[in-house]
Amino acid sequence: MTPELPNALLRQGILELGITGGPLMAALLVVGLVVGILQAATQVNDPAVGFVPRFVTAGAICIGLGQWMLHRMSQLLQLALSDMANRGF
């Protein structure tokens, strides 16, 4: 096993994490910002008011993009396993 294999797999994994998790994190950031502004404007500081919209958004994104995310992550796993098998891990 060469030292480049773990570095390459780690680099690919972090890149894939950013690609697949980016839309979810961006949507949650936008929803959190909007809810925070609304809470500040209306002075309603109930934790449920902040939690429920983020929870619904996360669920909707996972339902909408979950199959794509799972497909990308499974491709990464297949690539990593084939690289490890070919390079003698």
PDB file of N, CA and C in Angstrom:
ATOM      1  N   MET A   1       0.848  -1.185   0.000  1.00  0.00           N
ATOM      2  CA  MET A   1       0.000   0.000   0.000  1.00  0.00           C
ATOM      3  C   MET A   1       0.885   1.236   0.000  1.00  0.00           C
ATOM      4  N   THR A   2       0.560   2.152  -0.851  1.00  0.00           N
ATOM      5  CA  THR A   2       1.316   3.398  -0.931  1.00  0.00           C
ATOM      6  C   THR A   2       0.663   4.449  -0.042  1.00  0.00           C
ATOM      7  N   PRO A   3       1.451   5.410   0.422  1.00  0.00           N
ATOM      8  CA  PRO A   3       0.863   6.457   1.274  1.00  0.00           C
ATOM      9  C   PRO A   3      -0.111   7.374   0.547  1.00  0.00           C
ATOM     10  N   GLU A   4      -0.097   7.352  -0.771  1.00  0.00           N
ATOM     11  CA  GLU A   4      -0.997   8.226  -1.529  1.00  0.00           C
ATOM     12  C   GLU A   4      -2.443   7.759  -1.469  1.00  0.00           C
ATOM     13  N   LEU A   5      -2.661   6.445  -1.285  1.00  0.00           N
ATOM     14  CA  LEU A   5      -4.029   5.919  -1.302  1.00  0.00           C
ATOM     15  C   LEU A   5      -4.897   6.494  -0.185  1.00  0.00           C
ATOM     16  N   PRO A   6      -4.474   6.458   1.091  1.00  0.00           N
ATOM     17  CA  PRO A   6      -5.344   7.053   2.122  1.00  0.00           C
ATOM     18  C   PRO A   6      -5.567   8.552   1.918  1.00  0.00           C
ATOM     19  N   ASN A   7      -4.532   9.260   1.460  1.00  0.00           N
ATOM     20  CA  ASN A   7      -4.691  10.697   1.211  1.00  0.00           C
ATOM     21  C   ASN A   7      -5.685  10.959   0.091  1.00  0.00           C
ATOM     22  N   ALA A   8      -5.596  10.166  -0.969  1.00  0.00           N
ATOM     23  CA  ALA A   8      -6.518  10.346  -2.093  1.00  0.00           C
ATOM     24  C   ALA A   8      -7.955  10.012  -1.680  1.00  0.00           C
ATOM     25  N   LEU A   9      -8.120   8.930  -0.918  1.00  0.00           N
ATOM     26  CA  LEU A   9      -9.468   8.561  -0.470  1.00  0.00           C
ATOM     27  C   LEU A   9     -10.036   9.600   0.480  1.00  0.00           C
ATOM     28  N   LEU A  10      -9.193  10.135   1.359  1.00  0.00           N
ATOM     29  CA  LEU A  10      -9.662  11.170   2.280  1.00  0.00           C
ATOM     30  C   LEU A  10     -10.061  12.421   1.514  1.00  0.00           C
ATOM     31  N   ARG A  11      -9.252  12.807   0.541  1.00  0.00           N
ATOM     32  CA  ARG A  11      -9.556  13.985  -0.271  1.00  0.00           C
ATOM     33  C   ARG A  11     -10.865  13.796  -1.039  1.00  0.00           C
ATOM     34  N   GLN A  12     -11.054  12.629  -1.631  1.00  0.00           N
ATOM     35  CA  GLN A  12     -12.289  12.347  -2.365  1.00  0.00           C
ATOM     36  C   GLN A  12     -13.492  12.331  -1.425  1.00  0.00           C
ATOM     37  N   GLY A  13     -13.306  11.771  -0.232  1.00  0.00           N
ATOM     38  CA  GLY A  13     -14.406  11.722   0.726  1.00  0.00           C
ATOM     39  C   GLY A  13     -14.838  13.094   1.196  1.00  0.00           C
ATOM     40  N   ILE A  14     -13.871  13.958   1.475  1.00  0.00           N
ATOM     41  CA  ILE A  14     -14.204  15.313   1.917  1.00  0.00           C
ATOM     42  C   ILE A  14     -14.861  16.100   0.789  1.00  0.00           C
ATOM     43  N   LEU A  15     -14.363  15.930  -0.420  1.00  0.00           N
ATOM     44  CA  LEU A  15     -14.978  16.608  -1.568  1.00  0.00           C
ATOM     45  C   LEU A  15     -16.412  16.127  -1.771  1.00  0.00           C
ATOM     46  N   GLU A  16     -16.615  14.829  -1.678  1.00  0.00           N
ATOM     47  CA  GLU A  16     -17.964  14.269  -1.861  1.00  0.00           C
ATOM     48  C   GLU A  16     -18.902  14.717  -0.743  1.00  0.00           C
ATOM     49  N   LEU A  17     -18.369  14.825   0.465  1.00  0.00           N
ATOM     50  CA  LEU A  17     -19.177  15.317   1.581  1.00  0.00           C
ATOM     51  C   LEU A  17     -19.632  16.746   1.331  1.00  0.00           C
ATOM     52  N   GLY A  18     -18.758  17.567   0.801  1.00  0.00           N
ATOM     53  CA  GLY A  18     -19.133  18.938   0.473  1.00  0.00           C
ATOM     54  C   GLY A  18     -20.158  19.020  -0.633  1.00  0.00           C
ATOM     55  N   ILE A  19     -20.019  18.157  -1.631  1.00  0.00           N
ATOM     56  CA  ILE A  19     -20.955  18.177  -2.760  1.00  0.00           C
ATOM     57  C   ILE A  19     -22.332  17.684  -2.334  1.00  0.00           C
ATOM     58  N   THR A  20     -22.371  16.581  -1.575  1.00  0.00           N
ATOM     59  CA  THR A  20     -23.674  16.026  -1.205  1.00  0.00           C
ATOM     60  C   THR A  20     -24.309  16.760  -0.025  1.00  0.00           C
ATOM     61  N   GLY A  21     -23.514  17.273   0.870  1.00  0.00           N
ATOM     62  CA  GLY A  21     -24.067  17.963   2.029  1.00  0.00           C
ATOM     63  C   GLY A  21     -24.277  19.443   1.824  1.00  0.00           C
ATOM     64  N   GLY A  22     -23.699  19.990   0.770  1.00  0.00           N
ATOM     65  CA  GLY A  22     -23.808  21.422   0.502  1.00  0.00           C
ATOM     66  C   GLY A  22     -25.227  21.936   0.348  1.00  0.00           C
ATOM     67  N   PRO A  23     -26.043  21.291  -0.488  1.00  0.00           N
ATOM     68  CA  PRO A  23     -27.416  21.794  -0.645  1.00  0.00           C
ATOM     69  C   PRO A  23     -28.216  21.764   0.658  1.00  0.00           C
ATOM     70  N   LEU A  24     -28.013  20.717   1.449  1.00  0.00           N
ATOM     71  CA  LEU A  24     -28.718  20.618   2.726  1.00  0.00           C
ATOM     72  C   LEU A  24     -28.284  21.728   3.672  1.00  0.00           C
ATOM     73  N   MET A  25     -26.983  21.922   3.796  1.00  0.00           N
ATOM     74  CA  MET A  25     -26.480  22.962   4.704  1.00  0.00           C
ATOM     75  C   MET A  25     -26.870  24.358   4.237  1.00  0.00           C
ATOM     76  N   ALA A  26     -26.848  24.589   2.923  1.00  0.00           N
ATOM     77  CA  ALA A  26     -27.232  25.901   2.406  1.00  0.00           C
ATOM     78  C   ALA A  26     -28.706  26.190   2.681  1.00  0.00           C
ATOM     79  N   ALA A  27     -29.559  25.196   2.469  1.00  0.00           N
ATOM     80  CA  ALA A  27     -30.995  25.385   2.726  1.00  0.00           C
ATOM     81  C   ALA A  27     -31.246  25.635   4.210  1.00  0.00           C
ATOM     82  N   LEU A  28     -30.563  24.882   5.070  1.00  0.00           N
ATOM     83  CA  LEU A  28     -30.743  25.083   6.504  1.00  0.00           C
ATOM     84  C   LEU A  28     -30.209  26.440   6.958  1.00  0.00           C
ATOM     85  N   LEU A  29     -29.142  26.902   6.330  1.00  0.00           N
ATOM     86  CA  LEU A  29     -28.612  28.226   6.654  1.00  0.00           C
ATOM     87  C   LEU A  29     -29.608  29.318   6.291  1.00  0.00           C
ATOM     88  N   VAL A  30     -30.195  29.218   5.102  1.00  0.00           N
ATOM     89  CA  VAL A  30     -31.161  30.224   4.662  1.00  0.00           C
ATOM     90  C   VAL A  30     -32.398  30.211   5.556  1.00  0.00           C
ATOM     91  N   VAL A  31     -32.916  29.018   5.847  1.00  0.00           N
ATOM     92  CA  VAL A  31     -34.109  28.922   6.693  1.00  0.00           C
ATOM     93  C   VAL A  31     -33.807  29.423   8.100  1.00  0.00           C
ATOM     94  N   GLY A  32     -32.660  29.066   8.634  1.00  0.00           N
ATOM     95  CA  GLY A  32     -32.278  29.546   9.965  1.00  0.00           C
ATOM     96  C   GLY A  32     -32.149  31.052  10.024  1.00  0.00           C
ATOM     97  N   LEU A  33     -31.600  31.641   8.961  1.00  0.00           N
ATOM     98  CA  LEU A  33     -31.466  33.090   8.909  1.00  0.00           C
ATOM     99  C   LEU A  33     -32.830  33.770   8.850  1.00  0.00           C
ATOM    100  N   VAL A  34     -33.717  33.245   8.005  1.00  0.00           N
ATOM    101  CA  VAL A  34     -35.061  33.833   7.875  1.00  0.00           C
ATOM    102  C   VAL A  34     -35.822  33.704   9.192  1.00  0.00           C
ATOM    103  N   VAL A  35     -35.756  32.533   9.817  1.00  0.00           N
ATOM    104  CA  VAL A  35     -36.460  32.331  11.090  1.00  0.00           C
ATOM    105  C   VAL A  35     -35.867  33.232  12.160  1.00  0.00           C
ATOM    106  N   GLY A  36     -34.550  33.381  12.176  1.00  0.00           N
ATOM    107  CA  GLY A  36     -33.914  34.256  13.155  1.00  0.00           C
ATOM    108  C   GLY A  36     -34.337  35.704  12.987  1.00  0.00           C
ATOM    109  N   ILE A  37     -34.420  36.149  11.743  1.00  0.00           N
ATOM    110  CA  ILE A  37     -34.863  37.525  11.489  1.00  0.00           C
ATOM    111  C   ILE A  37     -36.315  37.707  11.916  1.00  0.00           C
ATOM    112  N   LEU A  38     -37.173  36.730  11.589  1.00  0.00           N
ATOM    113  CA  LEU A  38     -38.579  36.815  11.994  1.00  0.00           C
ATOM    114  C   LEU A  38     -38.724  36.783  13.516  1.00  0.00           C
ATOM    115  N   GLN A  39     -37.918  35.953  14.181  1.00  0.00           N
ATOM    116  CA  GLN A  39     -37.995  35.908  15.646  1.00  0.00           C
ATOM    117  C   GLN A  39     -37.525  37.218  16.263  1.00  0.00           C
ATOM    118  N   ALA A  40     -36.499  37.814  15.690  1.00  0.00           N
ATOM    119  CA  ALA A  40     -36.017  39.090  16.210  1.00  0.00           C
ATOM    120  C   ALA A  40     -37.034  40.202  15.964  1.00  0.00           C
ATOM    121  N   ALA A  41     -37.692  40.156  14.820  1.00  0.00           N
ATOM    122  CA  ALA A  41     -38.665  41.203  14.491  1.00  0.00           C
ATOM    123  C   ALA A  41     -39.926  41.088  15.336  1.00  0.00           C
ATOM    124  N   THR A  42     -40.366  39.850  15.602  1.00  0.00           N
ATOM    125  CA  THR A  42     -41.607  39.662  16.352  1.00  0.00           C
ATOM    126  C   THR A  42     -41.371  39.430  17.837  1.00  0.00           C
ATOM    127  N   GLN A  43     -40.124  39.269  18.246  1.00  0.00           N
ATOM    128  CA  GLN A  43     -39.733  39.013  19.637  1.00  0.00           C
ATOM    129  C   GLN A  43     -40.379  37.742  20.184  1.00  0.00           C
ATOM    130  N   VAL A  44     -40.574  36.760  19.326  1.00  0.00           N
ATOM    131  CA  VAL A  44     -41.052  35.436  19.735  1.00  0.00           C
ATOM    132  C   VAL A  44     -39.818  34.547  19.854  1.00  0.00           C
ATOM    133  N   ASN A  45     -39.446  34.183  21.072  1.00  0.00           N
ATOM    134  CA  ASN A  45     -38.224  33.420  21.291  1.00  0.00           C
ATOM    135  C   ASN A  45     -38.511  31.990  21.717  1.00  0.00           C
ATOM    136  N   ASP A  46     -39.536  31.403  21.179  1.00  0.00           N
ATOM    137  CA  ASP A  46     -39.872  30.016  21.478  1.00  0.00           C
ATOM    138  C   ASP A  46     -38.936  29.105  20.691  1.00  0.00           C
ATOM    139  N   PRO A  47     -38.289  28.134  21.344  1.00  0.00           N
ATOM    140  CA  PRO A  47     -37.368  27.248  20.613  1.00  0.00           C
ATOM    141  C   PRO A  47     -38.055  26.431  19.522  1.00  0.00           C
ATOM    142  N   ALA A  48     -39.323  26.084  19.712  1.00  0.00           N
ATOM    143  CA  ALA A  48     -40.035  25.295  18.704  1.00  0.00           C
ATOM    144  C   ALA A  48     -40.219  26.079  17.416  1.00  0.00           C
ATOM    145  N   VAL A  49     -40.357  27.381  17.526  1.00  0.00           N
ATOM    146  CA  VAL A  49     -40.533  28.221  16.339  1.00  0.00           C
ATOM    147  C   VAL A  49     -39.271  28.172  15.475  1.00  0.00           C
ATOM    148  N   GLY A  50     -38.119  28.045  16.089  1.00  0.00           N
ATOM    149  CA  GLY A  50     -36.884  27.945  15.324  1.00  0.00           C
ATOM    150  C   GLY A  50     -36.589  26.539  14.857  1.00  0.00           C
ATOM    151  N   PHE A  51     -37.031  25.530  15.616  1.00  0.00           N
ATOM    152  CA  PHE A  51     -36.700  24.145  15.299  1.00  0.00           C
ATOM    153  C   PHE A  51     -37.561  23.566  14.192  1.00  0.00           C
ATOM    154  N   VAL A  52     -38.842  23.802  14.238  1.00  0.00           N
ATOM    155  CA  VAL A  52     -39.778  23.159  13.307  1.00  0.00           C
ATOM    156  C   VAL A  52     -39.488  23.514  11.844  1.00  0.00           C
ATOM    157  N   PRO A  53     -39.273  24.772  11.480  1.00  0.00           N
ATOM    158  CA  PRO A  53     -38.982  25.055  10.062  1.00  0.00           C
ATOM    159  C   PRO A  53     -37.677  24.404   9.579  1.00  0.00           C
ATOM    160  N   ARG A  54     -36.671  24.372  10.429  1.00  0.00           N
ATOM    161  CA  ARG A  54     -35.414  23.724  10.031  1.00  0.00           C
ATOM    162  C   ARG A  54     -35.602  22.218   9.891  1.00  0.00           C
ATOM    163  N   PHE A  55     -36.375  21.634  10.778  1.00  0.00           N
ATOM    164  CA  PHE A  55     -36.634  20.200  10.713  1.00  0.00           C
ATOM    165  C   PHE A  55     -37.410  19.843   9.449  1.00  0.00           C
ATOM    166  N   VAL A  56     -38.419  20.618   9.129  1.00  0.00           N
ATOM    167  CA  VAL A  56     -39.218  20.384   7.920  1.00  0.00           C
ATOM    168  C   VAL A  56     -38.359  20.573   6.673  1.00  0.00           C
ATOM    169  N   THR A  57     -37.520  21.598   6.670  1.00  0.00           N
ATOM    170  CA  THR A  57     -36.633  21.844   5.530  1.00  0.00           C
ATOM    171  C   THR A  57     -35.654  20.690   5.338  1.00  0.00           C
ATOM    172  N   ALA A  58     -35.054  20.218   6.425  1.00  0.00           N
ATOM    173  CA  ALA A  58     -34.112  19.105   6.334  1.00  0.00           C
ATOM    174  C   ALA A  58     -34.809  17.854   5.812  1.00  0.00           C
ATOM    175  N   GLY A  59     -36.010  17.600   6.282  1.00  0.00           N
ATOM    176  CA  GLY A  59     -36.767  16.451   5.793  1.00  0.00           C
ATOM    177  C   GLY A  59     -37.102  16.562   4.326  1.00  0.00           C
ATOM    178  N   ALA A  60     -37.507  17.748   3.898  1.00  0.00           N
ATOM    179  CA  ALA A  60     -37.863  17.947   2.488  1.00  0.00           C
ATOM    180  C   ALA A  60     -36.645  17.797   1.583  1.00  0.00           C
ATOM    181  N   ILE A  61     -35.507  18.334   2.004  1.00  0.00           N
ATOM    182  CA  ILE A  61     -34.287  18.211   1.205  1.00  0.00           C
ATOM    183  C   ILE A  61     -33.853  16.748   1.143  1.00  0.00           C
ATOM    184  N   CYS A  62     -33.927  16.046   2.256  1.00  0.00           N
ATOM    185  CA  CYS A  62     -33.535  14.633   2.264  1.00  0.00           C
ATOM    186  C   CYS A  62     -34.476  13.782   1.410  1.00  0.00           C
ATOM    187  N   ILE A  63     -35.751  14.110   1.415  1.00  0.00           N
ATOM    188  CA  ILE A  63     -36.694  13.378   0.563  1.00  0.00           C
ATOM    189  C   ILE A  63     -36.437  13.712  -0.906  1.00  0.00           C
ATOM    190  N   GLY A  64     -36.213  14.972  -1.194  1.00  0.00           N
ATOM    191  CA  GLY A  64     -36.017  15.386  -2.578  1.00  0.00           C
ATOM    192  C   GLY A  64     -34.674  14.978  -3.160  1.00  0.00           C
ATOM    193  N   LEU A  65     -33.604  15.099  -2.376  1.00  0.00           N
ATOM    194  CA  LEU A  65     -32.264  14.831  -2.887  1.00  0.00           C
ATOM    195  C   LEU A  65     -31.627  13.581  -2.297  1.00  0.00           C
ATOM    196  N   GLY A  66     -32.355  12.857  -1.477  1.00  0.00           N
ATOM    197  CA  GLY A  66     -31.783  11.707  -0.790  1.00  0.00           C
ATOM    198  C   GLY A  66     -31.286  10.620  -1.718  1.00  0.00           C
ATOM    199  N   GLN A  67     -32.033  10.344  -2.772  1.00  0.00           N
ATOM    200  CA  GLN A  67     -31.634   9.302  -3.711  1.00  0.00           C
ATOM    201  C   GLN A  67     -30.342   9.703  -4.426  1.00  0.00           C
ATOM    202  N   TRP A  68     -30.253  10.956  -4.819  1.00  0.00           N
ATOM    203  CA  TRP A  68     -29.035  11.451  -5.462  1.00  0.00           C
ATOM    204  C   TRP A  68     -27.845  11.392  -4.505  1.00  0.00           C
ATOM    205  N   MET A  69     -28.059  11.802  -3.259  1.00  0.00           N
ATOM    206  CA  MET A  69     -26.992  11.771  -2.260  1.00  0.00           C
ATOM    207  C   MET A  69     -26.517  10.340  -2.007  1.00  0.00           C
ATOM    208  N   LEU A  70     -27.450   9.436  -1.866  1.00  0.00           N
ATOM    209  CA  LEU A  70     -27.110   8.037  -1.627  1.00  0.00           C
ATOM    210  C   LEU A  70     -26.360   7.447  -2.819  1.00  0.00           C
ATOM    211  N   HIS A  71     -26.767   7.799  -4.017  1.00  0.00           N
ATOM    212  CA  HIS A  71     -26.095   7.309  -5.216  1.00  0.00           C
ATOM    213  C   HIS A  71     -24.647   7.807  -5.268  1.00  0.00           C
ATOM    214  N   ARG A  72     -24.424   9.082  -4.973  1.00  0.00           N
ATOM    215  CA  ARG A  72     -23.065   9.639  -4.994  1.00  0.00           C
ATOM    216  C   ARG A  72     -22.191   8.986  -3.938  1.00  0.00           C
ATOM    217  N   MET A  73     -22.738   8.786  -2.749  1.00  0.00           N
ATOM    218  CA  MET A  73     -21.945   8.180  -1.681  1.00  0.00           C
ATOM    219  C   MET A  73     -21.660   6.711  -1.969  1.00  0.00           C
ATOM    220  N   SER A  74     -22.595   5.998  -2.588  1.00  0.00           N
ATOM    221  CA  SER A  74     -22.342   4.594  -2.925  1.00  0.00           C
ATOM    222  C   SER A  74     -21.303   4.485  -4.030  1.00  0.00           C
ATOM    223  N   GLN A  75     -21.296   5.427  -4.966  1.00  0.00           N
ATOM    224  CA  GLN A  75     -20.248   5.443  -5.987  1.00  0.00           C
ATOM    225  C   GLN A  75     -18.878   5.666  -5.362  1.00  0.00           C
ATOM    226  N   LEU A  76     -18.810   6.540  -4.371  1.00  0.00           N
ATOM    227  CA  LEU A  76     -17.547   6.780  -3.678  1.00  0.00           C
ATOM    228  C   LEU A  76     -17.088   5.522  -2.953  1.00  0.00           C
ATOM    229  N   LEU A  77     -18.000   4.822  -2.307  1.00  0.00           N
ATOM    230  CA  LEU A  77     -17.640   3.586  -1.619  1.00  0.00           C
ATOM    231  C   LEU A  77     -17.143   2.537  -2.606  1.00  0.00           C
ATOM    232  N   GLN A  78     -17.819   2.396  -3.729  1.00  0.00           N
ATOM    233  CA  GLN A  78     -17.368   1.439  -4.747  1.00  0.00           C
ATOM    234  C   GLN A  78     -15.989   1.801  -5.266  1.00  0.00           C
ATOM    235  N   LEU A  79     -15.748   3.070  -5.510  1.00  0.00           N
ATOM    236  CA  LEU A  79     -14.445   3.523  -5.980  1.00  0.00           C
ATOM    237  C   LEU A  79     -13.364   3.256  -4.941  1.00  0.00           C
ATOM    238  N   ALA A  80     -13.666   3.553  -3.680  1.00  0.00           N
ATOM    239  CA  ALA A  80     -12.689   3.341  -2.618  1.00  0.00           C
ATOM    240  C   ALA A  80     -12.367   1.861  -2.455  1.00  0.00           C
ATOM    241  N   LEU A  81     -13.382   1.010  -2.492  1.00  0.00           N
ATOM    242  CA  LEU A  81     -13.126  -0.423  -2.341  1.00  0.00           C
ATOM    243  C   LEU A  81     -12.351  -0.979  -3.524  1.00  0.00           C
ATOM    244  N   SER A  82     -12.660  -0.526  -4.734  1.00  0.00           N
ATOM    245  CA  SER A  82     -11.910  -1.024  -5.891  1.00  0.00           C
ATOM    246  C   SER A  82     -10.472  -0.509  -5.870  1.00  0.00           C
ATOM    247  N   ASP A  83     -10.261   0.744  -5.450  1.00  0.00           N
ATOM    248  CA  ASP A  83      -8.900   1.261  -5.338  1.00  0.00           C
ATOM    249  C   ASP A  83      -8.100   0.485  -4.301  1.00  0.00           C
ATOM    250  N   MET A  84      -8.728   0.172  -3.176  1.00  0.00           N
ATOM    251  CA  MET A  84      -8.024  -0.585  -2.137  1.00  0.00           C
ATOM    252  C   MET A  84      -7.711  -1.988  -2.607  1.00  0.00           C
ATOM    253  N   ALA A  85      -8.615  -2.600  -3.359  1.00  0.00           N
ATOM    254  CA  ALA A  85      -8.376  -3.948  -3.853  1.00  0.00           C
ATOM    255  C   ALA A  85      -7.274  -3.966  -4.912  1.00  0.00           C
ATOM    256  N   ASN A  86      -7.283  -2.960  -5.783  1.00  0.00           N
ATOM    257  CA  ASN A  86      -6.295  -2.900  -6.861  1.00  0.00           C
ATOM    258  C   ASN A  86      -4.899  -2.544  -6.370  1.00  0.00           C
ATOM    259  N   ARG A  87      -4.817  -1.753  -5.321  1.00  0.00           N
ATOM    260  CA  ARG A  87      -3.503  -1.294  -4.831  1.00  0.00           C
ATOM    261  C   ARG A  87      -2.979  -2.140  -3.669  1.00  0.00           C
ATOM    262  N   GLY A  88      -3.729  -3.149  -3.284  1.00  0.00           N
ATOM    263  CA  GLY A  88      -3.249  -4.052  -2.259  1.00  0.00           C
ATOM    264  C   GLY A  88      -3.372  -3.535  -0.842  1.00  0.00           C
ATOM    265  N   PHE A  89      -4.505  -3.018  -0.487  1.00  0.00           N
ATOM    266  CA  PHE A  89      -4.727  -2.558   0.877  1.00  0.00           C
ATOM    267  C   PHE A  89      -4.970  -3.727   1.714  1.00  0.00           C
TER     268      PHE A  89
END
